[in-house]
Amino acid sequence: DVVLVSGPVAIADPQGVKVLHVESAREMLAAVESALPADIFIAAAAVADWRVGTAVAEKMKKGTSGPPSLGLVENPDILATLATHA
């Protein structure tokens, strides 16, 4: 059995493969961990090291105080986390 964990892409899911769609590094880590145990793990790309600490649901309007400060927080290291499952 093959499980593909995929971020947003513009291609169709491959046939005969269980596909788990994710949009964030935290979702990707959870999806990969849900597919364990596995005989083989292949990582084709890395997610971003950082993400915005506080996401907003709406457009941030211009203000007189200048641009907002974007605080960043570290994304989980998926490969390092999986190495602890060995």
N, C-alpha and C. Protein backbone atom coordinates (compact mmCIF):
# COMPACT_ATOMS: atom_id res chain seq x y z
N ASP A 1 0.84 -1.17 0.00
CA ASP A 1 0.00 0.00 0.00
C ASP A 1 0.89 1.24 0.00
N VAL A 2 0.46 2.25 -0.75
CA VAL A 2 1.21 3.51 -0.84
C VAL A 2 0.33 4.64 -0.32
N VAL A 3 0.92 5.46 0.54
CA VAL A 3 0.24 6.66 1.05
C VAL A 3 1.06 7.86 0.61
N LEU A 4 0.41 8.79 -0.07
CA LEU A 4 1.05 10.03 -0.52
C LEU A 4 0.50 11.18 0.30
N VAL A 5 1.37 11.89 1.01
CA VAL A 5 0.98 13.08 1.74
C VAL A 5 1.39 14.25 0.87
N SER A 6 0.41 15.06 0.46
CA SER A 6 0.67 16.11 -0.53
C SER A 6 0.12 17.45 -0.09
N GLY A 7 0.92 18.47 -0.30
CA GLY A 7 0.45 19.84 -0.15
C GLY A 7 -0.36 20.22 -1.38
N PRO A 8 -0.80 21.48 -1.45
CA PRO A 8 -1.59 21.92 -2.60
C PRO A 8 -0.81 21.82 -3.91
N VAL A 9 -1.37 21.10 -4.86
CA VAL A 9 -0.76 20.95 -6.19
C VAL A 9 -1.86 21.03 -7.24
N ALA A 10 -1.47 21.28 -8.48
CA ALA A 10 -2.43 21.42 -9.57
C ALA A 10 -2.49 20.18 -10.45
N ILE A 11 -2.08 19.05 -9.90
CA ILE A 11 -2.13 17.80 -10.67
C ILE A 11 -3.10 16.84 -9.99
N ALA A 12 -3.60 15.89 -10.77
CA ALA A 12 -4.56 14.92 -10.25
C ALA A 12 -3.85 13.92 -9.33
N ASP A 13 -4.61 13.37 -8.40
CA ASP A 13 -4.07 12.33 -7.53
C ASP A 13 -3.73 11.10 -8.36
N PRO A 14 -2.62 10.44 -8.08
CA PRO A 14 -2.30 9.21 -8.82
C PRO A 14 -3.27 8.10 -8.46
N GLN A 15 -3.56 7.26 -9.43
CA GLN A 15 -4.48 6.14 -9.21
C GLN A 15 -3.81 5.08 -8.36
N GLY A 16 -4.61 4.41 -7.55
CA GLY A 16 -4.11 3.29 -6.76
C GLY A 16 -3.32 3.71 -5.53
N VAL A 17 -3.37 4.99 -5.18
CA VAL A 17 -2.61 5.51 -4.05
C VAL A 17 -3.56 6.21 -3.10
N LYS A 18 -3.40 6.00 -1.81
CA LYS A 18 -4.17 6.75 -0.82
C LYS A 18 -3.50 8.11 -0.68
N VAL A 19 -4.22 9.18 -0.92
CA VAL A 19 -3.66 10.54 -0.87
C VAL A 19 -4.24 11.29 0.31
N LEU A 20 -3.35 11.86 1.12
CA LEU A 20 -3.74 12.71 2.23
C LEU A 20 -3.34 14.14 1.88
N HIS A 21 -4.33 15.01 1.69
CA HIS A 21 -4.07 16.40 1.31
C HIS A 21 -3.90 17.26 2.56
N VAL A 22 -2.85 18.07 2.57
CA VAL A 22 -2.57 18.95 3.70
C VAL A 22 -2.25 20.35 3.19
N GLU A 23 -2.32 21.33 4.09
CA GLU A 23 -2.00 22.71 3.72
C GLU A 23 -0.95 23.35 4.60
N SER A 24 -0.55 22.71 5.67
CA SER A 24 0.45 23.30 6.56
C SER A 24 1.45 22.24 6.99
N ALA A 25 2.56 22.69 7.54
CA ALA A 25 3.58 21.76 8.04
C ALA A 25 3.04 20.93 9.20
N ARG A 26 2.25 21.54 10.07
CA ARG A 26 1.68 20.79 11.19
C ARG A 26 0.71 19.72 10.70
N GLU A 27 -0.10 20.05 9.67
CA GLU A 27 -0.99 19.04 9.08
C GLU A 27 -0.18 17.93 8.42
N MET A 28 0.93 18.31 7.76
CA MET A 28 1.76 17.30 7.09
C MET A 28 2.37 16.35 8.10
N LEU A 29 2.88 16.87 9.20
CA LEU A 29 3.45 16.01 10.23
C LEU A 29 2.40 15.05 10.76
N ALA A 30 1.21 15.55 11.06
CA ALA A 30 0.14 14.69 11.58
C ALA A 30 -0.25 13.62 10.57
N ALA A 31 -0.33 13.99 9.29
CA ALA A 31 -0.71 13.02 8.25
C ALA A 31 0.36 11.94 8.09
N VAL A 32 1.62 12.36 8.10
CA VAL A 32 2.71 11.37 7.97
C VAL A 32 2.70 10.43 9.17
N GLU A 33 2.54 10.98 10.38
CA GLU A 33 2.52 10.13 11.56
C GLU A 33 1.33 9.17 11.53
N SER A 34 0.20 9.61 10.95
CA SER A 34 -0.97 8.73 10.88
C SER A 34 -0.75 7.57 9.92
N ALA A 35 0.20 7.71 9.01
CA ALA A 35 0.50 6.65 8.04
C ALA A 35 1.53 5.65 8.57
N LEU A 36 2.05 5.88 9.75
CA LEU A 36 3.04 4.97 10.33
C LEU A 36 2.35 3.75 10.92
N PRO A 37 2.98 2.61 11.02
CA PRO A 37 4.36 2.36 10.61
C PRO A 37 4.48 2.20 9.10
N ALA A 38 5.67 2.40 8.60
CA ALA A 38 5.93 2.25 7.17
C ALA A 38 7.26 1.53 6.97
N ASP A 39 7.32 0.74 5.92
CA ASP A 39 8.57 0.06 5.59
C ASP A 39 9.56 1.03 4.95
N ILE A 40 9.05 1.96 4.16
CA ILE A 40 9.88 2.93 3.44
C ILE A 40 9.23 4.29 3.53
N PHE A 41 10.06 5.32 3.74
CA PHE A 41 9.58 6.70 3.75
C PHE A 41 10.44 7.49 2.77
N ILE A 42 9.79 8.15 1.82
CA ILE A 42 10.51 8.97 0.84
C ILE A 42 10.00 10.40 0.98
N ALA A 43 10.92 11.32 1.23
CA ALA A 43 10.56 12.74 1.35
C ALA A 43 11.07 13.43 0.09
N ALA A 44 10.14 14.00 -0.67
CA ALA A 44 10.50 14.61 -1.95
C ALA A 44 10.75 16.11 -1.85
N ALA A 45 10.29 16.74 -0.77
CA ALA A 45 10.46 18.19 -0.62
C ALA A 45 10.36 18.54 0.85
N ALA A 46 10.92 19.68 1.20
CA ALA A 46 10.85 20.15 2.57
C ALA A 46 9.84 21.29 2.68
N VAL A 47 9.18 21.35 3.82
CA VAL A 47 8.26 22.46 4.06
C VAL A 47 9.07 23.65 4.58
N ALA A 48 8.46 24.79 4.64
CA ALA A 48 9.13 25.99 5.12
C ALA A 48 9.56 25.81 6.57
N ASP A 49 10.67 26.42 6.93
CA ASP A 49 11.17 26.34 8.30
C ASP A 49 10.36 27.20 9.26
N TRP A 50 9.71 28.24 8.74
CA TRP A 50 8.99 29.19 9.58
C TRP A 50 7.57 29.42 9.07
N ARG A 51 6.68 29.83 9.97
CA ARG A 51 5.32 30.22 9.61
C ARG A 51 4.94 31.44 10.43
N VAL A 52 3.91 32.13 10.00
CA VAL A 52 3.43 33.29 10.74
C VAL A 52 2.84 32.80 12.06
N GLY A 53 3.21 33.44 13.14
CA GLY A 53 2.76 33.01 14.47
C GLY A 53 1.27 33.14 14.66
N THR A 54 0.69 34.22 14.18
CA THR A 54 -0.74 34.45 14.32
C THR A 54 -1.33 34.75 12.96
N ALA A 55 -2.09 33.81 12.43
CA ALA A 55 -2.73 34.00 11.14
C ALA A 55 -4.04 34.75 11.34
N VAL A 56 -4.41 35.54 10.36
CA VAL A 56 -5.68 36.27 10.43
C VAL A 56 -6.60 35.75 9.33
N ALA A 57 -7.89 35.81 9.58
CA ALA A 57 -8.88 35.29 8.63
C ALA A 57 -9.29 36.32 7.60
N GLU A 58 -8.98 37.58 7.85
CA GLU A 58 -9.42 38.65 6.95
C GLU A 58 -8.23 39.49 6.51
N LYS A 59 -8.45 40.28 5.48
CA LYS A 59 -7.42 41.19 4.99
C LYS A 59 -7.06 42.18 6.09
N MET A 60 -5.77 42.45 6.22
CA MET A 60 -5.31 43.46 7.17
C MET A 60 -5.32 44.81 6.45
N LYS A 61 -6.10 45.73 6.97
CA LYS A 61 -6.26 47.04 6.35
C LYS A 61 -5.02 47.91 6.60
N LYS A 62 -4.80 48.83 5.67
CA LYS A 62 -3.73 49.80 5.85
C LYS A 62 -4.05 50.68 7.04
N GLY A 63 -3.02 51.10 7.72
CA GLY A 63 -3.22 51.97 8.87
C GLY A 63 -2.21 53.10 8.86
N THR A 64 -2.34 53.97 9.78
CA THR A 64 -1.43 55.12 9.86
C THR A 64 -0.16 54.78 10.63
N SER A 65 -0.14 53.64 11.30
CA SER A 65 1.03 53.28 12.11
C SER A 65 2.07 52.49 11.33
N GLY A 66 1.91 52.34 10.05
CA GLY A 66 2.88 51.59 9.24
C GLY A 66 2.51 50.14 9.12
N PRO A 67 3.38 49.36 8.48
CA PRO A 67 3.07 47.95 8.27
C PRO A 67 3.07 47.17 9.58
N PRO A 68 2.24 46.12 9.66
CA PRO A 68 2.20 45.32 10.89
C PRO A 68 3.46 44.48 11.02
N SER A 69 3.77 44.12 12.23
CA SER A 69 4.89 43.24 12.51
C SER A 69 4.41 41.79 12.38
N LEU A 70 5.14 40.99 11.66
CA LEU A 70 4.78 39.58 11.50
C LEU A 70 5.72 38.73 12.34
N GLY A 71 5.22 38.22 13.43
CA GLY A 71 6.03 37.34 14.28
C GLY A 71 6.06 35.94 13.69
N LEU A 72 7.24 35.38 13.58
CA LEU A 72 7.38 34.04 13.01
C LEU A 72 7.65 33.02 14.10
N VAL A 73 7.15 31.81 13.89
CA VAL A 73 7.42 30.68 14.77
C VAL A 73 7.95 29.53 13.92
N GLU A 74 8.72 28.68 14.55
CA GLU A 74 9.35 27.57 13.83
C GLU A 74 8.33 26.48 13.51
N ASN A 75 8.37 25.98 12.28
CA ASN A 75 7.56 24.83 11.90
C ASN A 75 8.19 23.57 12.46
N PRO A 76 7.41 22.51 12.63
CA PRO A 76 8.01 21.25 13.09
C PRO A 76 8.96 20.70 12.05
N ASP A 77 10.02 20.05 12.50
CA ASP A 77 10.97 19.38 11.61
C ASP A 77 10.44 17.96 11.41
N ILE A 78 9.81 17.72 10.29
CA ILE A 78 9.12 16.45 10.05
C ILE A 78 10.10 15.29 10.03
N LEU A 79 11.22 15.43 9.34
CA LEU A 79 12.18 14.32 9.27
C LEU A 79 12.79 14.03 10.64
N ALA A 80 13.15 15.05 11.39
CA ALA A 80 13.71 14.84 12.73
C ALA A 80 12.70 14.16 13.63
N THR A 81 11.44 14.56 13.53
CA THR A 81 10.39 13.94 14.35
C THR A 81 10.21 12.48 13.98
N LEU A 82 10.20 12.19 12.68
CA LEU A 82 10.04 10.79 12.25
C LEU A 82 11.21 9.93 12.68
N ALA A 83 12.40 10.52 12.75
CA ALA A 83 13.58 9.76 13.17
C ALA A 83 13.42 9.25 14.59
N THR A 84 12.63 9.94 15.41
CA THR A 84 12.42 9.49 16.79
C THR A 84 11.45 8.30 16.85
N HIS A 85 10.74 8.02 15.76
CA HIS A 85 9.81 6.90 15.70
C HIS A 85 10.51 5.59 15.36
N ALA A 86 11.77 5.66 14.98
CA ALA A 86 12.50 4.46 14.52
C ALA A 86 12.74 3.48 15.65
